[in-house]
Amino acid sequence: MSRTTYQCQCGATLRYRQDLTLDPSATSRSWTCGDCGLPVPGVVAEQLSHQHPS
């Protein structure tokens, strides 16, 4: 299985769950960039949320 990465608009490369922030105010699981707070697309965020650095 290949690793998923996401390039945020702020320039940050998101690779792992630690790079994301779960938005507590959302009614469903909503992830944002840990650096700038911009929303991350749901499908990508869910894939990243299951990746852990090894």
PDB file of N, CA and C in Angstrom:
ATOM      1  N   MET A   1       0.838  -1.167   0.000  1.00  0.00           N
ATOM      2  CA  MET A   1       0.000   0.000   0.000  1.00  0.00           C
ATOM      3  C   MET A   1       0.893   1.244   0.000  1.00  0.00           C
ATOM      4  N   SER A   2       0.631   2.160  -0.882  1.00  0.00           N
ATOM      5  CA  SER A   2       1.455   3.359  -0.984  1.00  0.00           C
ATOM      6  C   SER A   2       1.014   4.400   0.044  1.00  0.00           C
ATOM      7  N   ARG A   3       1.961   5.227   0.415  1.00  0.00           N
ATOM      8  CA  ARG A   3       1.688   6.304   1.364  1.00  0.00           C
ATOM      9  C   ARG A   3       0.974   7.454   0.658  1.00  0.00           C
ATOM     10  N   THR A   4       0.023   8.049   1.351  1.00  0.00           N
ATOM     11  CA  THR A   4      -0.687   9.204   0.836  1.00  0.00           C
ATOM     12  C   THR A   4      -0.031  10.466   1.386  1.00  0.00           C
ATOM     13  N   THR A   5       0.127  11.465   0.542  1.00  0.00           N
ATOM     14  CA  THR A   5       0.589  12.775   0.986  1.00  0.00           C
ATOM     15  C   THR A   5      -0.360  13.819   0.405  1.00  0.00           C
ATOM     16  N   TYR A   6      -0.391  14.972   1.047  1.00  0.00           N
ATOM     17  CA  TYR A   6      -1.236  16.066   0.585  1.00  0.00           C
ATOM     18  C   TYR A   6      -0.453  17.359   0.732  1.00  0.00           C
ATOM     19  N   GLN A   7      -0.431  18.163  -0.309  1.00  0.00           N
ATOM     20  CA  GLN A   7       0.243  19.452  -0.289  1.00  0.00           C
ATOM     21  C   GLN A   7      -0.802  20.521   0.017  1.00  0.00           C
ATOM     22  N   CYS A   8      -0.726  21.110   1.192  1.00  0.00           N
ATOM     23  CA  CYS A   8      -1.665  22.154   1.602  1.00  0.00           C
ATOM     24  C   CYS A   8      -1.349  23.443   0.855  1.00  0.00           C
ATOM     25  N   GLN A   9      -2.326  24.322   0.773  1.00  0.00           N
ATOM     26  CA  GLN A   9      -2.136  25.610   0.107  1.00  0.00           C
ATOM     27  C   GLN A   9      -1.091  26.470   0.808  1.00  0.00           C
ATOM     28  N   CYS A  10      -0.854  26.228   2.105  1.00  0.00           N
ATOM     29  CA  CYS A  10       0.137  27.011   2.844  1.00  0.00           C
ATOM     30  C   CYS A  10       1.561  26.531   2.572  1.00  0.00           C
ATOM     31  N   GLY A  11       1.684  25.401   1.850  1.00  0.00           N
ATOM     32  CA  GLY A  11       3.001  24.873   1.519  1.00  0.00           C
ATOM     33  C   GLY A  11       3.404  23.668   2.350  1.00  0.00           C
ATOM     34  N   ALA A  12       2.651  23.360   3.391  1.00  0.00           N
ATOM     35  CA  ALA A  12       2.969  22.211   4.241  1.00  0.00           C
ATOM     36  C   ALA A  12       2.641  20.909   3.516  1.00  0.00           C
ATOM     37  N   THR A  13       3.507  19.918   3.689  1.00  0.00           N
ATOM     38  CA  THR A  13       3.244  18.581   3.162  1.00  0.00           C
ATOM     39  C   THR A  13       2.715  17.730   4.309  1.00  0.00           C
ATOM     40  N   LEU A  14       1.489  17.252   4.162  1.00  0.00           N
ATOM     41  CA  LEU A  14       0.848  16.447   5.199  1.00  0.00           C
ATOM     42  C   LEU A  14       1.037  14.977   4.866  1.00  0.00           C
ATOM     43  N   ARG A  15       1.556  14.227   5.827  1.00  0.00           N
ATOM     44  CA  ARG A  15       1.829  12.807   5.607  1.00  0.00           C
ATOM     45  C   ARG A  15       1.177  11.898   6.647  1.00  0.00           C
ATOM     46  N   TYR A  16       1.034  12.398   7.873  1.00  0.00           N
ATOM     47  CA  TYR A  16       0.591  11.560   8.984  1.00  0.00           C
ATOM     48  C   TYR A  16      -0.518  12.238   9.772  1.00  0.00           C
ATOM     49  N   ARG A  17      -1.145  11.447  10.641  1.00  0.00           N
ATOM     50  CA  ARG A  17      -2.215  11.956  11.507  1.00  0.00           C
ATOM     51  C   ARG A  17      -1.727  13.151  12.330  1.00  0.00           C
ATOM     52  N   GLN A  18      -0.449  13.129  12.717  1.00  0.00           N
ATOM     53  CA  GLN A  18       0.116  14.193  13.533  1.00  0.00           C
ATOM     54  C   GLN A  18       0.149  15.528  12.791  1.00  0.00           C
ATOM     55  N   ASP A  19       0.062  15.502  11.464  1.00  0.00           N
ATOM     56  CA  ASP A  19       0.075  16.718  10.667  1.00  0.00           C
ATOM     57  C   ASP A  19      -1.314  17.350  10.556  1.00  0.00           C
ATOM     58  N   LEU A  20      -2.336  16.654  11.050  1.00  0.00           N
ATOM     59  CA  LEU A  20      -3.721  17.109  10.951  1.00  0.00           C
ATOM     60  C   LEU A  20      -4.254  17.526  12.310  1.00  0.00           C
ATOM     61  N   THR A  21      -5.308  18.334  12.278  1.00  0.00           N
ATOM     62  CA  THR A  21      -6.037  18.699  13.484  1.00  0.00           C
ATOM     63  C   THR A  21      -7.500  18.374  13.245  1.00  0.00           C
ATOM     64  N   LEU A  22      -8.108  17.665  14.188  1.00  0.00           N
ATOM     65  CA  LEU A  22      -9.523  17.333  14.086  1.00  0.00           C
ATOM     66  C   LEU A  22     -10.331  18.527  14.570  1.00  0.00           C
ATOM     67  N   ASP A  23     -11.232  19.020  13.734  1.00  0.00           N
ATOM     68  CA  ASP A  23     -12.032  20.201  14.058  1.00  0.00           C
ATOM     69  C   ASP A  23     -13.127  19.803  15.049  1.00  0.00           C
ATOM     70  N   PRO A  24     -13.045  20.266  16.295  1.00  0.00           N
ATOM     71  CA  PRO A  24     -14.027  19.860  17.312  1.00  0.00           C
ATOM     72  C   PRO A  24     -15.404  20.499  17.123  1.00  0.00           C
ATOM     73  N   SER A  25     -15.492  21.579  16.361  1.00  0.00           N
ATOM     74  CA  SER A  25     -16.777  22.257  16.194  1.00  0.00           C
ATOM     75  C   SER A  25     -17.642  21.637  15.099  1.00  0.00           C
ATOM     76  N   ALA A  26     -17.063  20.761  14.293  1.00  0.00           N
ATOM     77  CA  ALA A  26     -17.811  20.142  13.194  1.00  0.00           C
ATOM     78  C   ALA A  26     -18.701  19.014  13.718  1.00  0.00           C
ATOM     79  N   THR A  27     -19.840  18.822  13.055  1.00  0.00           N
ATOM     80  CA  THR A  27     -20.750  17.752  13.467  1.00  0.00           C
ATOM     81  C   THR A  27     -20.270  16.385  12.986  1.00  0.00           C
ATOM     82  N   SER A  28     -19.526  16.358  11.881  1.00  0.00           N
ATOM     83  CA  SER A  28     -18.917  15.111  11.413  1.00  0.00           C
ATOM     84  C   SER A  28     -17.405  15.295  11.458  1.00  0.00           C
ATOM     85  N   ARG A  29     -16.663  14.223  11.239  1.00  0.00           N
ATOM     86  CA  ARG A  29     -15.201  14.318  11.292  1.00  0.00           C
ATOM     87  C   ARG A  29     -14.715  15.275  10.205  1.00  0.00           C
ATOM     88  N   SER A  30     -14.098  16.350  10.631  1.00  0.00           N
ATOM     89  CA  SER A  30     -13.591  17.359   9.724  1.00  0.00           C
ATOM     90  C   SER A  30     -12.145  17.653  10.117  1.00  0.00           C
ATOM     91  N   TRP A  31     -11.229  17.468   9.171  1.00  0.00           N
ATOM     92  CA  TRP A  31      -9.809  17.635   9.438  1.00  0.00           C
ATOM     93  C   TRP A  31      -9.296  18.936   8.832  1.00  0.00           C
ATOM     94  N   THR A  32      -8.331  19.549   9.518  1.00  0.00           N
ATOM     95  CA  THR A  32      -7.688  20.754   9.018  1.00  0.00           C
ATOM     96  C   THR A  32      -6.180  20.574   9.075  1.00  0.00           C
ATOM     97  N   CYS A  33      -5.466  21.403   8.336  1.00  0.00           N
ATOM     98  CA  CYS A  33      -4.009  21.409   8.346  1.00  0.00           C
ATOM     99  C   CYS A  33      -3.534  21.817   9.736  1.00  0.00           C
ATOM    100  N   GLY A  34      -2.578  21.099  10.281  1.00  0.00           N
ATOM    101  CA  GLY A  34      -2.054  21.412  11.600  1.00  0.00           C
ATOM    102  C   GLY A  34      -1.260  22.699  11.637  1.00  0.00           C
ATOM    103  N   ASP A  35      -0.756  23.158  10.500  1.00  0.00           N
ATOM    104  CA  ASP A  35       0.045  24.382  10.453  1.00  0.00           C
ATOM    105  C   ASP A  35      -0.811  25.636  10.316  1.00  0.00           C
ATOM    106  N   CYS A  36      -1.755  25.620   9.373  1.00  0.00           N
ATOM    107  CA  CYS A  36      -2.486  26.854   9.055  1.00  0.00           C
ATOM    108  C   CYS A  36      -3.982  26.787   9.370  1.00  0.00           C
ATOM    109  N   GLY A  37      -4.538  25.589   9.528  1.00  0.00           N
ATOM    110  CA  GLY A  37      -5.957  25.466   9.839  1.00  0.00           C
ATOM    111  C   GLY A  37      -6.884  25.400   8.647  1.00  0.00           C
ATOM    112  N   LEU A  38      -6.323  25.356   7.426  1.00  0.00           N
ATOM    113  CA  LEU A  38      -7.169  25.220   6.245  1.00  0.00           C
ATOM    114  C   LEU A  38      -7.763  23.813   6.191  1.00  0.00           C
ATOM    115  N   PRO A  39      -8.992  23.678   5.703  1.00  0.00           N
ATOM    116  CA  PRO A  39      -9.610  22.351   5.613  1.00  0.00           C
ATOM    117  C   PRO A  39      -8.863  21.440   4.644  1.00  0.00           C
ATOM    118  N   VAL A  40      -8.809  20.160   4.989  1.00  0.00           N
ATOM    119  CA  VAL A  40      -8.209  19.131   4.142  1.00  0.00           C
ATOM    120  C   VAL A  40      -9.362  18.294   3.590  1.00  0.00           C
ATOM    121  N   PRO A  41      -9.359  17.969   2.284  1.00  0.00           N
ATOM    122  CA  PRO A  41     -10.445  17.154   1.716  1.00  0.00           C
ATOM    123  C   PRO A  41     -10.663  15.870   2.523  1.00  0.00           C
ATOM    124  N   GLY A  42     -11.924  15.527   2.740  1.00  0.00           N
ATOM    125  CA  GLY A  42     -12.290  14.417   3.614  1.00  0.00           C
ATOM    126  C   GLY A  42     -11.648  13.083   3.291  1.00  0.00           C
ATOM    127  N   VAL A  43     -11.660  12.685   2.022  1.00  0.00           N
ATOM    128  CA  VAL A  43     -11.116  11.383   1.634  1.00  0.00           C
ATOM    129  C   VAL A  43      -9.620  11.331   1.927  1.00  0.00           C
ATOM    130  N   VAL A  44      -8.910  12.380   1.571  1.00  0.00           N
ATOM    131  CA  VAL A  44      -7.465  12.440   1.810  1.00  0.00           C
ATOM    132  C   VAL A  44      -7.187  12.461   3.307  1.00  0.00           C
ATOM    133  N   ALA A  45      -7.936  13.255   4.045  1.00  0.00           N
ATOM    134  CA  ALA A  45      -7.736  13.367   5.486  1.00  0.00           C
ATOM    135  C   ALA A  45      -7.953  12.032   6.184  1.00  0.00           C
ATOM    136  N   GLU A  46      -8.962  11.281   5.780  1.00  0.00           N
ATOM    137  CA  GLU A  46      -9.204   9.976   6.392  1.00  0.00           C
ATOM    138  C   GLU A  46      -8.053   9.009   6.100  1.00  0.00           C
ATOM    139  N   GLN A  47      -7.505   9.053   4.887  1.00  0.00           N
ATOM    140  CA  GLN A  47      -6.362   8.205   4.567  1.00  0.00           C
ATOM    141  C   GLN A  47      -5.156   8.598   5.416  1.00  0.00           C
ATOM    142  N   LEU A  48      -4.904   9.900   5.526  1.00  0.00           N
ATOM    143  CA  LEU A  48      -3.777  10.373   6.324  1.00  0.00           C
ATOM    144  C   LEU A  48      -3.962  10.055   7.804  1.00  0.00           C
ATOM    145  N   SER A  49      -5.193  10.095   8.286  1.00  0.00           N
ATOM    146  CA  SER A  49      -5.445   9.865   9.716  1.00  0.00           C
ATOM    147  C   SER A  49      -5.101   8.435  10.134  1.00  0.00           C
ATOM    148  N   HIS A  50      -4.976   7.532   9.179  1.00  0.00           N
ATOM    149  CA  HIS A  50      -4.628   6.139   9.483  1.00  0.00           C
ATOM    150  C   HIS A  50      -3.140   5.853   9.275  1.00  0.00           C
ATOM    151  N   GLN A  51      -2.385   6.855   8.856  1.00  0.00           N
ATOM    152  CA  GLN A  51      -0.956   6.668   8.644  1.00  0.00           C
ATOM    153  C   GLN A  51      -0.193   7.151   9.867  1.00  0.00           C
ATOM    154  N   HIS A  52       0.753   6.349  10.315  1.00  0.00           N
ATOM    155  CA  HIS A  52       1.589   6.681  11.455  1.00  0.00           C
ATOM    156  C   HIS A  52       3.044   6.527  11.047  1.00  0.00           C
ATOM    157  N   PRO A  53       3.912   7.428  11.478  1.00  0.00           N
ATOM    158  CA  PRO A  53       5.332   7.280  11.136  1.00  0.00           C
ATOM    159  C   PRO A  53       5.888   6.008  11.780  1.00  0.00           C
ATOM    160  N   SER A  54       6.696   5.297  11.040  1.00  0.00           N
ATOM    161  CA  SER A  54       7.272   4.054  11.566  1.00  0.00           C
ATOM    162  C   SER A  54       8.773   4.176  11.667  1.00  0.00           C
TER     163      SER A  54
END
